[in-house]
């Protein structure tokens, strides 16, 4: 018999971030990652310790998009 998790009410994005923190970060792969909003979001998720980003796409475009927002990708 399988058990289901009890639903948790989350009122704000901060509630979700707090709930996600405290555990191990999850690996998140993003295809066509050469977009500023994607890179900014992943940078913040990594800073908060909730995600380990994996960027998929044209390396030159990803590096250029990251440089445009002041982010360095390895």
N, C-alpha and C. Protein backbone atom coordinates (compact mmCIF):
# COMPACT_ATOMS: atom_id res chain seq x y z
N UNK A 1 0.85 -1.17 0.00
CA UNK A 1 0.00 0.00 0.00
C UNK A 1 0.90 1.24 0.00
N UNK A 2 0.59 2.20 -0.85
CA UNK A 2 1.37 3.42 -0.90
C UNK A 2 0.70 4.51 -0.09
N UNK A 3 1.51 5.37 0.47
CA UNK A 3 1.00 6.49 1.23
C UNK A 3 1.23 7.76 0.44
N UNK A 4 0.31 8.67 0.55
CA UNK A 4 0.48 9.96 -0.12
C UNK A 4 0.87 11.00 0.92
N UNK A 5 1.62 11.99 0.46
CA UNK A 5 2.05 13.06 1.35
C UNK A 5 0.88 13.95 1.70
N UNK A 6 0.91 14.49 2.88
CA UNK A 6 -0.11 15.43 3.31
C UNK A 6 0.14 16.76 2.62
N UNK A 7 -0.89 17.33 1.96
CA UNK A 7 -0.69 18.62 1.29
C UNK A 7 -0.29 19.71 2.29
N UNK A 8 0.56 20.61 1.83
CA UNK A 8 1.02 21.72 2.65
C UNK A 8 0.60 23.01 1.96
N UNK A 9 -0.06 23.88 2.70
CA UNK A 9 -0.48 25.16 2.14
C UNK A 9 0.70 26.12 2.09
N UNK A 10 0.95 26.64 0.90
CA UNK A 10 2.02 27.61 0.72
C UNK A 10 1.38 28.90 0.21
N UNK A 11 1.49 29.95 0.99
CA UNK A 11 0.83 31.21 0.65
C UNK A 11 1.69 32.10 -0.26
N UNK A 12 3.01 31.97 -0.15
CA UNK A 12 3.88 32.87 -0.90
C UNK A 12 5.05 32.09 -1.49
N UNK A 13 5.75 32.71 -2.42
CA UNK A 13 6.96 32.12 -2.97
C UNK A 13 8.00 31.92 -1.87
N UNK A 14 8.07 32.84 -0.93
CA UNK A 14 9.01 32.69 0.19
C UNK A 14 8.70 31.44 1.00
N UNK A 15 7.43 31.10 1.15
CA UNK A 15 7.04 29.87 1.84
C UNK A 15 7.60 28.66 1.10
N UNK A 16 7.49 28.67 -0.22
CA UNK A 16 7.99 27.57 -1.03
C UNK A 16 9.51 27.46 -0.92
N UNK A 17 10.20 28.58 -0.99
CA UNK A 17 11.66 28.60 -0.88
C UNK A 17 12.10 28.07 0.47
N UNK A 18 11.43 28.50 1.52
CA UNK A 18 11.77 28.03 2.87
C UNK A 18 11.54 26.53 2.98
N UNK A 19 10.46 26.06 2.42
CA UNK A 19 10.14 24.63 2.47
C UNK A 19 11.17 23.81 1.69
N UNK A 20 11.65 24.36 0.57
CA UNK A 20 12.61 23.64 -0.27
C UNK A 20 14.01 23.62 0.34
N UNK A 21 14.32 24.61 1.14
CA UNK A 21 15.64 24.69 1.76
C UNK A 21 15.82 23.64 2.83
N UNK A 22 17.05 23.48 3.25
CA UNK A 22 17.33 22.56 4.35
C UNK A 22 17.66 21.16 3.91
N UNK A 23 17.37 20.81 2.67
CA UNK A 23 17.72 19.49 2.17
C UNK A 23 18.86 19.59 1.18
N UNK A 24 19.10 18.53 0.49
CA UNK A 24 20.11 18.55 -0.55
C UNK A 24 19.55 19.24 -1.79
N UNK A 25 20.37 20.03 -2.49
CA UNK A 25 19.89 20.66 -3.71
C UNK A 25 19.57 19.61 -4.77
N UNK A 26 18.57 19.87 -5.59
CA UNK A 26 18.23 18.95 -6.66
C UNK A 26 18.88 19.42 -7.95
N UNK A 27 19.26 18.48 -8.78
CA UNK A 27 19.86 18.81 -10.07
C UNK A 27 18.73 19.23 -11.01
N UNK A 28 18.88 20.40 -11.62
CA UNK A 28 17.89 20.95 -12.52
C UNK A 28 18.55 21.21 -13.86
N UNK A 29 18.08 20.51 -14.91
CA UNK A 29 18.61 20.70 -16.25
C UNK A 29 17.68 21.62 -17.03
N UNK A 30 18.29 22.61 -17.71
CA UNK A 30 17.51 23.56 -18.49
C UNK A 30 18.03 23.55 -19.92
N UNK A 31 17.13 23.24 -20.85
CA UNK A 31 17.47 23.24 -22.27
C UNK A 31 17.28 24.66 -22.80
N UNK A 32 18.16 25.07 -23.71
CA UNK A 32 18.14 26.43 -24.26
C UNK A 32 18.32 27.45 -23.13
N UNK A 33 19.37 27.24 -22.37
CA UNK A 33 19.61 28.01 -21.14
C UNK A 33 20.17 29.41 -21.37
N UNK A 34 20.38 29.81 -22.62
CA UNK A 34 21.00 31.11 -22.90
C UNK A 34 19.97 32.24 -22.84
N UNK A 35 19.30 32.35 -21.71
CA UNK A 35 18.29 33.39 -21.51
C UNK A 35 18.54 34.02 -20.14
N UNK A 36 18.58 35.33 -20.11
CA UNK A 36 18.91 36.04 -18.88
C UNK A 36 18.00 35.65 -17.72
N UNK A 37 16.70 35.61 -17.94
CA UNK A 37 15.79 35.31 -16.84
C UNK A 37 16.01 33.89 -16.31
N UNK A 38 16.33 32.96 -17.19
CA UNK A 38 16.62 31.58 -16.77
C UNK A 38 17.90 31.55 -15.93
N UNK A 39 18.93 32.21 -16.42
CA UNK A 39 20.20 32.21 -15.70
C UNK A 39 20.10 32.92 -14.36
N UNK A 40 19.36 34.02 -14.31
CA UNK A 40 19.17 34.73 -13.04
C UNK A 40 18.43 33.85 -12.03
N UNK A 41 17.40 33.16 -12.50
CA UNK A 41 16.62 32.28 -11.62
C UNK A 41 17.46 31.13 -11.10
N UNK A 42 18.23 30.50 -11.99
CA UNK A 42 19.09 29.40 -11.57
C UNK A 42 20.19 29.86 -10.63
N UNK A 43 20.74 31.04 -10.88
CA UNK A 43 21.77 31.58 -9.99
C UNK A 43 21.20 31.76 -8.58
N UNK A 44 20.00 32.30 -8.48
CA UNK A 44 19.37 32.51 -7.17
C UNK A 44 19.05 31.17 -6.50
N UNK A 45 18.55 30.21 -7.26
CA UNK A 45 18.23 28.89 -6.70
C UNK A 45 19.51 28.22 -6.18
N UNK A 46 20.60 28.36 -6.91
CA UNK A 46 21.87 27.79 -6.46
C UNK A 46 22.36 28.50 -5.20
N UNK A 47 22.23 29.83 -5.17
CA UNK A 47 22.65 30.61 -4.01
C UNK A 47 21.87 30.19 -2.76
N UNK A 48 20.60 29.88 -2.95
CA UNK A 48 19.76 29.46 -1.83
C UNK A 48 19.99 28.00 -1.44
N UNK A 49 20.76 27.29 -2.26
CA UNK A 49 21.07 25.89 -1.95
C UNK A 49 19.95 24.93 -2.28
N UNK A 50 19.03 25.32 -3.16
CA UNK A 50 17.91 24.42 -3.48
C UNK A 50 18.04 23.77 -4.85
N UNK A 51 19.01 24.21 -5.67
CA UNK A 51 19.18 23.63 -7.00
C UNK A 51 20.64 23.58 -7.38
N UNK A 52 20.95 22.59 -8.19
CA UNK A 52 22.27 22.45 -8.81
C UNK A 52 22.02 22.52 -10.32
N UNK A 53 22.21 23.68 -10.92
CA UNK A 53 21.87 23.87 -12.34
C UNK A 53 22.78 23.10 -13.29
N UNK A 54 22.16 22.57 -14.34
CA UNK A 54 22.87 21.98 -15.47
C UNK A 54 22.35 22.72 -16.70
N UNK A 55 23.23 23.44 -17.37
CA UNK A 55 22.83 24.26 -18.51
C UNK A 55 23.06 23.51 -19.81
N UNK A 56 22.03 23.47 -20.64
CA UNK A 56 22.10 22.76 -21.91
C UNK A 56 21.81 23.76 -23.03
N UNK A 57 22.67 23.78 -24.02
CA UNK A 57 22.49 24.68 -25.14
C UNK A 57 23.81 24.99 -25.79
N UNK A 58 23.82 26.01 -26.61
CA UNK A 58 25.05 26.43 -27.29
C UNK A 58 25.95 27.14 -26.28
N UNK A 59 27.12 26.57 -26.02
CA UNK A 59 28.00 27.13 -24.98
C UNK A 59 28.32 28.61 -25.16
N UNK A 60 28.61 29.03 -26.38
CA UNK A 60 28.95 30.44 -26.61
C UNK A 60 27.79 31.34 -26.23
N UNK A 61 26.58 30.96 -26.60
CA UNK A 61 25.40 31.77 -26.27
C UNK A 61 25.15 31.81 -24.77
N UNK A 62 25.35 30.69 -24.10
CA UNK A 62 25.15 30.64 -22.65
C UNK A 62 26.16 31.55 -21.95
N UNK A 63 27.42 31.47 -22.35
CA UNK A 63 28.47 32.31 -21.75
C UNK A 63 28.17 33.78 -21.99
N UNK A 64 27.75 34.14 -23.20
CA UNK A 64 27.43 35.54 -23.52
C UNK A 64 26.23 36.03 -22.69
N UNK A 65 25.19 35.22 -22.58
CA UNK A 65 24.02 35.62 -21.80
C UNK A 65 24.38 35.76 -20.32
N UNK A 66 25.21 34.85 -19.83
CA UNK A 66 25.64 34.93 -18.43
C UNK A 66 26.48 36.19 -18.19
N UNK A 67 27.38 36.49 -19.11
CA UNK A 67 28.22 37.69 -18.96
C UNK A 67 27.38 38.96 -18.96
N UNK A 68 26.30 38.96 -19.74
CA UNK A 68 25.44 40.13 -19.81
C UNK A 68 24.76 40.44 -18.48
N UNK A 69 24.59 39.43 -17.62
CA UNK A 69 23.96 39.66 -16.31
C UNK A 69 24.98 39.60 -15.18
N UNK A 70 26.26 39.55 -15.55
CA UNK A 70 27.31 39.54 -14.52
C UNK A 70 27.48 38.20 -13.84
N UNK A 71 27.21 37.15 -14.56
CA UNK A 71 27.30 35.80 -14.00
C UNK A 71 28.38 35.04 -14.76
N UNK A 72 29.14 34.22 -14.06
CA UNK A 72 30.17 33.40 -14.68
C UNK A 72 29.71 31.96 -14.65
N UNK A 73 29.78 31.28 -15.78
CA UNK A 73 29.42 29.87 -15.82
C UNK A 73 30.68 29.07 -16.08
N UNK A 74 30.72 27.88 -15.50
CA UNK A 74 31.90 27.02 -15.67
C UNK A 74 31.58 25.86 -16.57
